[in-house]
Protein backbone atom coordinates (compact mmCIF):
# COMPACT_ATOMS: atom_id res chain seq x y z
CA UNK A 1 0.00 0.00 0.00
CA UNK A 2 1.21 3.47 -0.84
CA UNK A 3 0.77 6.04 1.94
CA UNK A 4 0.88 9.79 1.50
CA UNK A 5 0.66 12.60 4.02
CA UNK A 6 -2.03 15.25 3.89
CA UNK A 7 -1.19 18.51 5.70
CA UNK A 8 -4.30 19.73 7.49
CA UNK A 9 -4.84 23.48 7.20
CA UNK A 10 -7.67 23.81 9.70
CA UNK A 11 -9.10 21.79 12.57
CA UNK A 12 -10.50 19.05 10.31
CA UNK A 13 -11.38 18.02 6.76
CA UNK A 14 -14.45 16.05 5.74
CA UNK A 15 -13.84 12.57 4.31
CA UNK A 16 -15.63 13.17 1.00
CA UNK A 17 -13.68 16.39 0.45
CA UNK A 18 -10.36 14.66 1.14
CA UNK A 19 -11.08 11.89 -1.38
CA UNK A 20 -11.94 14.45 -4.06
CA UNK A 21 -8.94 16.72 -3.30
CA UNK A 22 -6.46 13.85 -3.51
CA UNK A 23 -8.11 12.41 -6.65
CA UNK A 24 -8.90 9.16 -4.86
CA UNK A 25 -12.37 9.75 -6.31
CA UNK A 26 -12.88 11.61 -9.61
CA UNK A 27 -15.77 13.73 -8.30
CA UNK A 28 -17.71 14.57 -5.18
CA UNK A 29 -20.54 12.28 -6.22
CA UNK A 30 -18.24 9.34 -6.76
CA UNK A 31 -16.54 10.05 -3.41
CA UNK A 32 -19.95 9.80 -1.72
CA UNK A 33 -20.73 6.54 -3.56
CA UNK A 34 -17.34 5.08 -2.67
CA UNK A 35 -17.85 5.88 1.02
CA UNK A 36 -21.46 4.61 1.06
CA UNK A 37 -20.37 1.32 -0.53
CA UNK A 38 -18.05 0.58 2.41
CA UNK A 39 -14.86 0.79 0.34
CA UNK A 40 -13.22 3.38 2.62
CA UNK A 41 -11.58 2.72 5.99
CA UNK A 42 -10.72 5.32 8.62
CA UNK A 43 -8.31 4.23 11.35
CA UNK A 44 -8.75 0.62 10.21
CA UNK A 45 -12.57 0.51 10.40
CA UNK A 46 -15.05 0.74 7.52
CA UNK A 47 -16.47 4.27 7.43
CA UNK A 48 -19.82 5.05 5.78
CA UNK A 49 -20.32 8.58 7.11
CA UNK A 50 -19.79 10.80 4.08
CA UNK A 51 -18.87 13.91 6.04
CA UNK A 52 -16.78 12.18 8.71
CA UNK A 53 -14.46 14.80 10.21
CA UNK A 54 -10.82 13.80 9.90
CA UNK A 55 -8.31 15.32 12.29
CA UNK A 56 -4.54 15.09 12.79
CA UNK A 57 -3.46 11.48 13.24
CA UNK A 58 -6.35 9.88 11.31
CA UNK A 59 -5.52 7.38 8.60
CA UNK A 60 -7.67 6.76 5.53
CA UNK A 61 -7.45 3.72 3.26
CA UNK A 62 -9.02 3.36 -0.17
CA UNK A 63 -8.05 0.30 -2.24
CA UNK A 64 -4.22 0.30 -2.23
CA UNK A 65 -3.88 3.96 -1.24
CA UNK A 66 -3.34 5.26 2.29
CA UNK A 67 -3.47 8.81 3.62
CA UNK A 68 -2.15 10.05 6.95
CA UNK A 69 -3.62 13.33 8.16
CA UNK A 70 -0.90 15.48 9.70
CA UNK A 71 -0.64 19.04 10.98
CA UNK A 72 0.26 21.67 8.42
CA UNK A 73 4.06 21.78 8.27
CA UNK A 74 4.39 18.54 10.25
CA UNK A 75 7.08 16.40 8.61
CA UNK A 76 6.67 13.55 11.09
CA UNK A 77 3.10 12.95 12.20
PDB file of N, CA and C in Angstrom:
ATOM      1  N   UNK A   1       0.841  -1.180   0.000  1.00  0.00           N
ATOM      2  CA  UNK A   1       0.000   0.000   0.000  1.00  0.00           C
ATOM      3  C   UNK A   1       0.886   1.242   0.000  1.00  0.00           C
ATOM      4  N   UNK A   2       0.508   2.198  -0.791  1.00  0.00           N
ATOM      5  CA  UNK A   2       1.208   3.474  -0.840  1.00  0.00           C
ATOM      6  C   UNK A   2       0.536   4.428   0.137  1.00  0.00           C
ATOM      7  N   UNK A   3       1.329   5.086   0.973  1.00  0.00           N
ATOM      8  CA  UNK A   3       0.774   6.038   1.937  1.00  0.00           C
ATOM      9  C   UNK A   3       1.345   7.418   1.675  1.00  0.00           C
ATOM     10  N   UNK A   4       0.446   8.397   1.657  1.00  0.00           N
ATOM     11  CA  UNK A   4       0.878   9.785   1.497  1.00  0.00           C
ATOM     12  C   UNK A   4       0.398  10.585   2.695  1.00  0.00           C
ATOM     13  N   UNK A   5       1.048  11.704   2.923  1.00  0.00           N
ATOM     14  CA  UNK A   5       0.664  12.597   4.018  1.00  0.00           C
ATOM     15  C   UNK A   5      -0.195  13.724   3.470  1.00  0.00           C
ATOM     16  N   UNK A   6      -1.192  14.114   4.253  1.00  0.00           N
ATOM     17  CA  UNK A   6      -2.030  15.251   3.889  1.00  0.00           C
ATOM     18  C   UNK A   6      -1.914  16.294   4.991  1.00  0.00           C
ATOM     19  N   UNK A   7      -1.325  17.459   4.682  1.00  0.00           N
ATOM     20  CA  UNK A   7      -1.189  18.508   5.699  1.00  0.00           C
ATOM     21  C   UNK A   7      -2.522  19.224   5.929  1.00  0.00           C
ATOM     22  N   UNK A   8      -3.021  19.134   7.114  1.00  0.00           N
ATOM     23  CA  UNK A   8      -4.295  19.730   7.494  1.00  0.00           C
ATOM     24  C   UNK A   8      -4.116  21.227   7.705  1.00  0.00           C
ATOM     25  N   UNK A   9      -4.970  22.034   7.083  1.00  0.00           N
ATOM     26  CA  UNK A   9      -4.835  23.484   7.197  1.00  0.00           C
ATOM     27  C   UNK A   9      -5.766  24.088   8.240  1.00  0.00           C
ATOM     28  N   UNK A  10      -6.744  23.337   8.672  1.00  0.00           N
ATOM     29  CA  UNK A  10      -7.669  23.815   9.702  1.00  0.00           C
ATOM     30  C   UNK A  10      -7.759  22.775  10.802  1.00  0.00           C
ATOM     31  N   UNK A  11      -8.892  22.758  11.489  1.00  0.00           N
ATOM     32  CA  UNK A  11      -9.096  21.794  12.571  1.00  0.00           C
ATOM     33  C   UNK A  11      -9.397  20.402  12.026  1.00  0.00           C
ATOM     34  N   UNK A  12     -10.112  20.331  10.891  1.00  0.00           N
ATOM     35  CA  UNK A  12     -10.496  19.045  10.313  1.00  0.00           C
ATOM     36  C   UNK A  12     -10.772  19.198   8.820  1.00  0.00           C
ATOM     37  N   UNK A  13     -10.923  18.048   8.137  1.00  0.00           N
ATOM     38  CA  UNK A  13     -11.380  18.017   6.760  1.00  0.00           C
ATOM     39  C   UNK A  13     -12.395  16.886   6.670  1.00  0.00           C
ATOM     40  N   UNK A  14     -13.440  17.077   5.892  1.00  0.00           N
ATOM     41  CA  UNK A  14     -14.449  16.045   5.736  1.00  0.00           C
ATOM     42  C   UNK A  14     -13.934  14.960   4.796  1.00  0.00           C
ATOM     43  N   UNK A  15     -14.322  13.722   5.065  1.00  0.00           N
ATOM     44  CA  UNK A  15     -13.841  12.572   4.311  1.00  0.00           C
ATOM     45  C   UNK A  15     -14.102  12.697   2.817  1.00  0.00           C
ATOM     46  N   UNK A  16     -15.316  13.065   2.423  1.00  0.00           N
ATOM     47  CA  UNK A  16     -15.625  13.168   0.996  1.00  0.00           C
ATOM     48  C   UNK A  16     -14.787  14.241   0.304  1.00  0.00           C
ATOM     49  N   UNK A  17     -14.501  15.316   1.003  1.00  0.00           N
ATOM     50  CA  UNK A  17     -13.679  16.394   0.449  1.00  0.00           C
ATOM     51  C   UNK A  17     -12.243  15.922   0.257  1.00  0.00           C
ATOM     52  N   UNK A  18     -11.720  15.185   1.234  1.00  0.00           N
ATOM     53  CA  UNK A  18     -10.363  14.658   1.143  1.00  0.00           C
ATOM     54  C   UNK A  18     -10.214  13.741  -0.072  1.00  0.00           C
ATOM     55  N   UNK A  19     -11.156  12.831  -0.258  1.00  0.00           N
ATOM     56  CA  UNK A  19     -11.077  11.893  -1.384  1.00  0.00           C
ATOM     57  C   UNK A  19     -11.073  12.629  -2.717  1.00  0.00           C
ATOM     58  N   UNK A  20     -11.889  13.664  -2.820  1.00  0.00           N
ATOM     59  CA  UNK A  20     -11.937  14.449  -4.062  1.00  0.00           C
ATOM     60  C   UNK A  20     -10.644  15.254  -4.249  1.00  0.00           C
ATOM     61  N   UNK A  21     -10.164  15.909  -3.212  1.00  0.00           N
ATOM     62  CA  UNK A  21      -8.943  16.722  -3.304  1.00  0.00           C
ATOM     63  C   UNK A  21      -7.726  15.905  -3.727  1.00  0.00           C
ATOM     64  N   UNK A  22      -7.627  14.684  -3.214  1.00  0.00           N
ATOM     65  CA  UNK A  22      -6.462  13.847  -3.508  1.00  0.00           C
ATOM     66  C   UNK A  22      -6.671  12.971  -4.737  1.00  0.00           C
ATOM     67  N   UNK A  23      -7.777  13.173  -5.438  1.00  0.00           N
ATOM     68  CA  UNK A  23      -8.112  12.415  -6.653  1.00  0.00           C
ATOM     69  C   UNK A  23      -8.223  10.910  -6.382  1.00  0.00           C
ATOM     70  N   UNK A  24      -8.606  10.556  -5.163  1.00  0.00           N
ATOM     71  CA  UNK A  24      -8.896   9.156  -4.862  1.00  0.00           C
ATOM     72  C   UNK A  24     -10.298   8.813  -5.357  1.00  0.00           C
ATOM     73  N   UNK A  25     -11.064   9.857  -5.650  1.00  0.00           N
ATOM     74  CA  UNK A  25     -12.366   9.747  -6.310  1.00  0.00           C
ATOM     75  C   UNK A  25     -12.418  10.876  -7.341  1.00  0.00           C
ATOM     76  N   UNK A  26     -12.900  10.591  -8.554  1.00  0.00           N
ATOM     77  CA  UNK A  26     -12.880  11.609  -9.609  1.00  0.00           C
ATOM     78  C   UNK A  26     -13.825  12.789  -9.406  1.00  0.00           C
ATOM     79  N   UNK A  27     -14.830  12.634  -8.549  1.00  0.00           N
ATOM     80  CA  UNK A  27     -15.770  13.729  -8.303  1.00  0.00           C
ATOM     81  C   UNK A  27     -16.355  13.596  -6.909  1.00  0.00           C
ATOM     82  N   UNK A  28     -17.058  14.625  -6.488  1.00  0.00           N
ATOM     83  CA  UNK A  28     -17.705  14.574  -5.179  1.00  0.00           C
ATOM     84  C   UNK A  28     -18.757  13.482  -5.103  1.00  0.00           C
ATOM     85  N   UNK A  29     -19.513  13.313  -6.178  1.00  0.00           N
ATOM     86  CA  UNK A  29     -20.539  12.278  -6.218  1.00  0.00           C
ATOM     87  C   UNK A  29     -19.951  10.884  -6.131  1.00  0.00           C
ATOM     88  N   UNK A  30     -18.858  10.672  -6.825  1.00  0.00           N
ATOM     89  CA  UNK A  30     -18.235   9.344  -6.763  1.00  0.00           C
ATOM     90  C   UNK A  30     -17.572   9.119  -5.407  1.00  0.00           C
ATOM     91  N   UNK A  31     -17.096  10.177  -4.760  1.00  0.00           N
ATOM     92  CA  UNK A  31     -16.543  10.050  -3.409  1.00  0.00           C
ATOM     93  C   UNK A  31     -17.644   9.590  -2.451  1.00  0.00           C
ATOM     94  N   UNK A  32     -18.827  10.181  -2.570  1.00  0.00           N
ATOM     95  CA  UNK A  32     -19.953   9.796  -1.723  1.00  0.00           C
ATOM     96  C   UNK A  32     -20.340   8.348  -1.957  1.00  0.00           C
ATOM     97  N   UNK A  33     -20.376   7.929  -3.222  1.00  0.00           N
ATOM     98  CA  UNK A  33     -20.732   6.543  -3.555  1.00  0.00           C
ATOM     99  C   UNK A  33     -19.696   5.563  -3.010  1.00  0.00           C
ATOM    100  N   UNK A  34     -18.434   5.927  -3.154  1.00  0.00           N
ATOM    101  CA  UNK A  34     -17.341   5.081  -2.670  1.00  0.00           C
ATOM    102  C   UNK A  34     -17.450   4.868  -1.155  1.00  0.00           C
ATOM    103  N   UNK A  35     -17.714   5.954  -0.432  1.00  0.00           N
ATOM    104  CA  UNK A  35     -17.850   5.879   1.021  1.00  0.00           C
ATOM    105  C   UNK A  35     -19.083   5.052   1.395  1.00  0.00           C
ATOM    106  N   UNK A  36     -20.210   5.326   0.757  1.00  0.00           N
ATOM    107  CA  UNK A  36     -21.457   4.615   1.063  1.00  0.00           C
ATOM    108  C   UNK A  36     -21.350   3.119   0.782  1.00  0.00           C
ATOM    109  N   UNK A  37     -20.509   2.738  -0.176  1.00  0.00           N
ATOM    110  CA  UNK A  37     -20.370   1.321  -0.534  1.00  0.00           C
ATOM    111  C   UNK A  37     -19.525   0.540   0.475  1.00  0.00           C
ATOM    112  N   UNK A  38     -18.872   1.245   1.405  1.00  0.00           N
ATOM    113  CA  UNK A  38     -18.048   0.584   2.411  1.00  0.00           C
ATOM    114  C   UNK A  38     -16.620   0.334   1.960  1.00  0.00           C
ATOM    115  N   UNK A  39     -16.196   1.005   0.894  1.00  0.00           N
ATOM    116  CA  UNK A  39     -14.857   0.794   0.339  1.00  0.00           C
ATOM    117  C   UNK A  39     -13.786   1.655   0.995  1.00  0.00           C
ATOM    118  N   UNK A  40     -14.163   2.469   1.983  1.00  0.00           N
ATOM    119  CA  UNK A  40     -13.218   3.384   2.624  1.00  0.00           C
ATOM    120  C   UNK A  40     -13.078   3.009   4.104  1.00  0.00           C
ATOM    121  N   UNK A  41     -11.839   2.997   4.577  1.00  0.00           N
ATOM    122  CA  UNK A  41     -11.576   2.720   5.990  1.00  0.00           C
ATOM    123  C   UNK A  41     -10.930   3.953   6.620  1.00  0.00           C
ATOM    124  N   UNK A  42     -11.334   4.247   7.832  1.00  0.00           N
ATOM    125  CA  UNK A  42     -10.718   5.322   8.617  1.00  0.00           C
ATOM    126  C   UNK A  42     -10.223   4.683   9.910  1.00  0.00           C
ATOM    127  N   UNK A  43      -8.949   4.833  10.169  1.00  0.00           N
ATOM    128  CA  UNK A  43      -8.306   4.232  11.349  1.00  0.00           C
ATOM    129  C   UNK A  43      -8.586   2.729  11.433  1.00  0.00           C
ATOM    130  N   UNK A  44      -8.604   2.075  10.272  1.00  0.00           N
ATOM    131  CA  UNK A  44      -8.750   0.624  10.212  1.00  0.00           C
ATOM    132  C   UNK A  44     -10.170   0.095  10.195  1.00  0.00           C
ATOM    133  N   UNK A  45     -11.171   0.946  10.381  1.00  0.00           N
ATOM    134  CA  UNK A  45     -12.567   0.509  10.397  1.00  0.00           C
ATOM    135  C   UNK A  45     -13.317   1.070   9.190  1.00  0.00           C
ATOM    136  N   UNK A  46     -14.238   0.274   8.644  1.00  0.00           N
ATOM    137  CA  UNK A  46     -15.046   0.740   7.521  1.00  0.00           C
ATOM    138  C   UNK A  46     -15.814   1.976   7.957  1.00  0.00           C
ATOM    139  N   UNK A  47     -15.788   3.009   7.120  1.00  0.00           N
ATOM    140  CA  UNK A  47     -16.466   4.268   7.430  1.00  0.00           C
ATOM    141  C   UNK A  47     -17.499   4.562   6.347  1.00  0.00           C
ATOM    142  N   UNK A  48     -18.753   4.744   6.742  1.00  0.00           N
ATOM    143  CA  UNK A  48     -19.817   5.047   5.779  1.00  0.00           C
ATOM    144  C   UNK A  48     -20.400   6.441   5.974  1.00  0.00           C
ATOM    145  N   UNK A  49     -19.860   7.198   6.927  1.00  0.00           N
ATOM    146  CA  UNK A  49     -20.324   8.582   7.105  1.00  0.00           C
ATOM    147  C   UNK A  49     -19.599   9.467   6.096  1.00  0.00           C
ATOM    148  N   UNK A  50     -20.351  10.028   5.184  1.00  0.00           N
ATOM    149  CA  UNK A  50     -19.786  10.799   4.079  1.00  0.00           C
ATOM    150  C   UNK A  50     -19.008  12.012   4.579  1.00  0.00           C
ATOM    151  N   UNK A  51     -19.530  12.688   5.548  1.00  0.00           N
ATOM    152  CA  UNK A  51     -18.875  13.913   6.045  1.00  0.00           C
ATOM    153  C   UNK A  51     -18.099  13.686   7.338  1.00  0.00           C
ATOM    154  N   UNK A  52     -17.593  12.500   7.530  1.00  0.00           N
ATOM    155  CA  UNK A  52     -16.782  12.178   8.714  1.00  0.00           C
ATOM    156  C   UNK A  52     -15.658  13.204   8.831  1.00  0.00           C
ATOM    157  N   UNK A  53     -15.508  13.805   9.984  1.00  0.00           N
ATOM    158  CA  UNK A  53     -14.463  14.800  10.207  1.00  0.00           C
ATOM    159  C   UNK A  53     -13.149  14.086  10.508  1.00  0.00           C
ATOM    160  N   UNK A  54     -12.148  14.384   9.722  1.00  0.00           N
ATOM    161  CA  UNK A  54     -10.821  13.802   9.900  1.00  0.00           C
ATOM    162  C   UNK A  54      -9.910  14.837  10.539  1.00  0.00           C
ATOM    163  N   UNK A  55      -9.228  14.426  11.571  1.00  0.00           N
ATOM    164  CA  UNK A  55      -8.307  15.315  12.287  1.00  0.00           C
ATOM    165  C   UNK A  55      -6.898  14.743  12.259  1.00  0.00           C
ATOM    166  N   UNK A  56      -5.943  15.513  12.747  1.00  0.00           N
ATOM    167  CA  UNK A  56      -4.544  15.086  12.785  1.00  0.00           C
ATOM    168  C   UNK A  56      -4.430  13.695  13.403  1.00  0.00           C
ATOM    169  N   UNK A  57      -3.681  12.823  12.741  1.00  0.00           N
ATOM    170  CA  UNK A  57      -3.461  11.475  13.239  1.00  0.00           C
ATOM    171  C   UNK A  57      -4.365  10.425  12.620  1.00  0.00           C
ATOM    172  N   UNK A  58      -5.454  10.842  11.968  1.00  0.00           N
ATOM    173  CA  UNK A  58      -6.352   9.882  11.315  1.00  0.00           C
ATOM    174  C   UNK A  58      -5.668   9.280  10.088  1.00  0.00           C
ATOM    175  N   UNK A  59      -5.985   8.023   9.827  1.00  0.00           N
ATOM    176  CA  UNK A  59      -5.515   7.382   8.602  1.00  0.00           C
ATOM    177  C   UNK A  59      -6.727   6.968   7.778  1.00  0.00           C
ATOM    178  N   UNK A  60      -6.604   7.111   6.467  1.00  0.00           N
ATOM    179  CA  UNK A  60      -7.671   6.759   5.534  1.00  0.00           C
ATOM    180  C   UNK A  60      -7.108   5.760   4.537  1.00  0.00           C
ATOM    181  N   UNK A  61      -7.872   4.722   4.239  1.00  0.00           N
ATOM    182  CA  UNK A  61      -7.453   3.718   3.263  1.00  0.00           C
ATOM    183  C   UNK A  61      -8.543   3.548   2.213  1.00  0.00           C
ATOM    184  N   UNK A  62      -8.130   3.610   0.948  1.00  0.00           N
ATOM    185  CA  UNK A  62      -9.020   3.356  -0.172  1.00  0.00           C
ATOM    186  C   UNK A  62      -8.241   2.485  -1.142  1.00  0.00           C
ATOM    187  N   UNK A  63      -8.737   1.260  -1.371  1.00  0.00           N
ATOM    188  CA  UNK A  63      -8.050   0.296  -2.236  1.00  0.00           C
ATOM    189  C   UNK A  63      -6.606   0.145  -1.759  1.00  0.00           C
ATOM    190  N   UNK A  64      -5.629   0.443  -2.613  1.00  0.00           N
ATOM    191  CA  UNK A  64      -4.218   0.296  -2.234  1.00  0.00           C
ATOM    192  C   UNK A  64      -3.565   1.631  -1.889  1.00  0.00           C
ATOM    193  N   UNK A  65      -4.382   2.631  -1.585  1.00  0.00           N
ATOM    194  CA  UNK A  65      -3.881   3.960  -1.240  1.00  0.00           C
ATOM    195  C   UNK A  65      -4.156   4.265   0.226  1.00  0.00           C
ATOM    196  N   UNK A  66      -3.177   4.842   0.904  1.00  0.00           N
ATOM    197  CA  UNK A  66      -3.344   5.259   2.286  1.00  0.00           C
ATOM    198  C   UNK A  66      -3.026   6.736   2.428  1.00  0.00           C
ATOM    199  N   UNK A  67      -3.702   7.385   3.356  1.00  0.00           N
ATOM    200  CA  UNK A  67      -3.474   8.807   3.617  1.00  0.00           C
ATOM    201  C   UNK A  67      -3.361   8.994   5.121  1.00  0.00           C
ATOM    202  N   UNK A  68      -2.323   9.686   5.556  1.00  0.00           N
ATOM    203  CA  UNK A  68      -2.149  10.047   6.954  1.00  0.00           C
ATOM    204  C   UNK A  68      -2.388  11.543   7.078  1.00  0.00           C
ATOM    205  N   UNK A  69      -3.319  11.916   7.931  1.00  0.00           N
ATOM    206  CA  UNK A  69      -3.623  13.330   8.156  1.00  0.00           C
ATOM    207  C   UNK A  69      -2.614  13.853   9.172  1.00  0.00           C
ATOM    208  N   UNK A  70      -1.893  14.903   8.795  1.00  0.00           N
ATOM    209  CA  UNK A  70      -0.900  15.477   9.703  1.00  0.00           C
ATOM    210  C   UNK A  70      -1.126  16.989   9.800  1.00  0.00           C
ATOM    211  N   UNK A  71      -0.535  17.597  10.796  1.00  0.00           N
ATOM    212  CA  UNK A  71      -0.636  19.038  10.976  1.00  0.00           C
ATOM    213  C   UNK A  71       0.094  19.742   9.857  1.00  0.00           C
ATOM    214  N   UNK A  72      -0.373  20.892   9.470  1.00  0.00           N
ATOM    215  CA  UNK A  72       0.264  21.674   8.417  1.00  0.00           C
ATOM    216  C   UNK A  72       1.711  21.953   8.809  1.00  0.00           C
ATOM    217  N   UNK A  73       2.650  21.559   7.975  1.00  0.00           N
ATOM    218  CA  UNK A  73       4.059  21.778   8.266  1.00  0.00           C
ATOM    219  C   UNK A  73       4.685  20.681   9.098  1.00  0.00           C
ATOM    220  N   UNK A  74       3.909  19.673   9.458  1.00  0.00           N
ATOM    221  CA  UNK A  74       4.395  18.543  10.254  1.00  0.00           C
ATOM    222  C   UNK A  74       5.082  17.534   9.332  1.00  0.00           C
ATOM    223  N   UNK A  75       6.375  17.360   9.463  1.00  0.00           N
ATOM    224  CA  UNK A  75       7.083  16.405   8.614  1.00  0.00           C
ATOM    225  C   UNK A  75       7.000  14.996   9.171  1.00  0.00           C
ATOM    226  N   UNK A  76       6.812  14.873  10.468  1.00  0.00           N
ATOM    227  CA  UNK A  76       6.672  13.551  11.090  1.00  0.00           C
ATOM    228  C   UNK A  76       5.432  13.572  11.964  1.00  0.00           C
ATOM    229  N   UNK A  77       4.380  12.906  11.488  1.00  0.00           N
ATOM    230  CA  UNK A  77       3.100  12.952  12.201  1.00  0.00           C
ATOM    231  C   UNK A  77       3.113  12.237  13.462  1.00  0.00           C
TER     232      UNK A  77
END
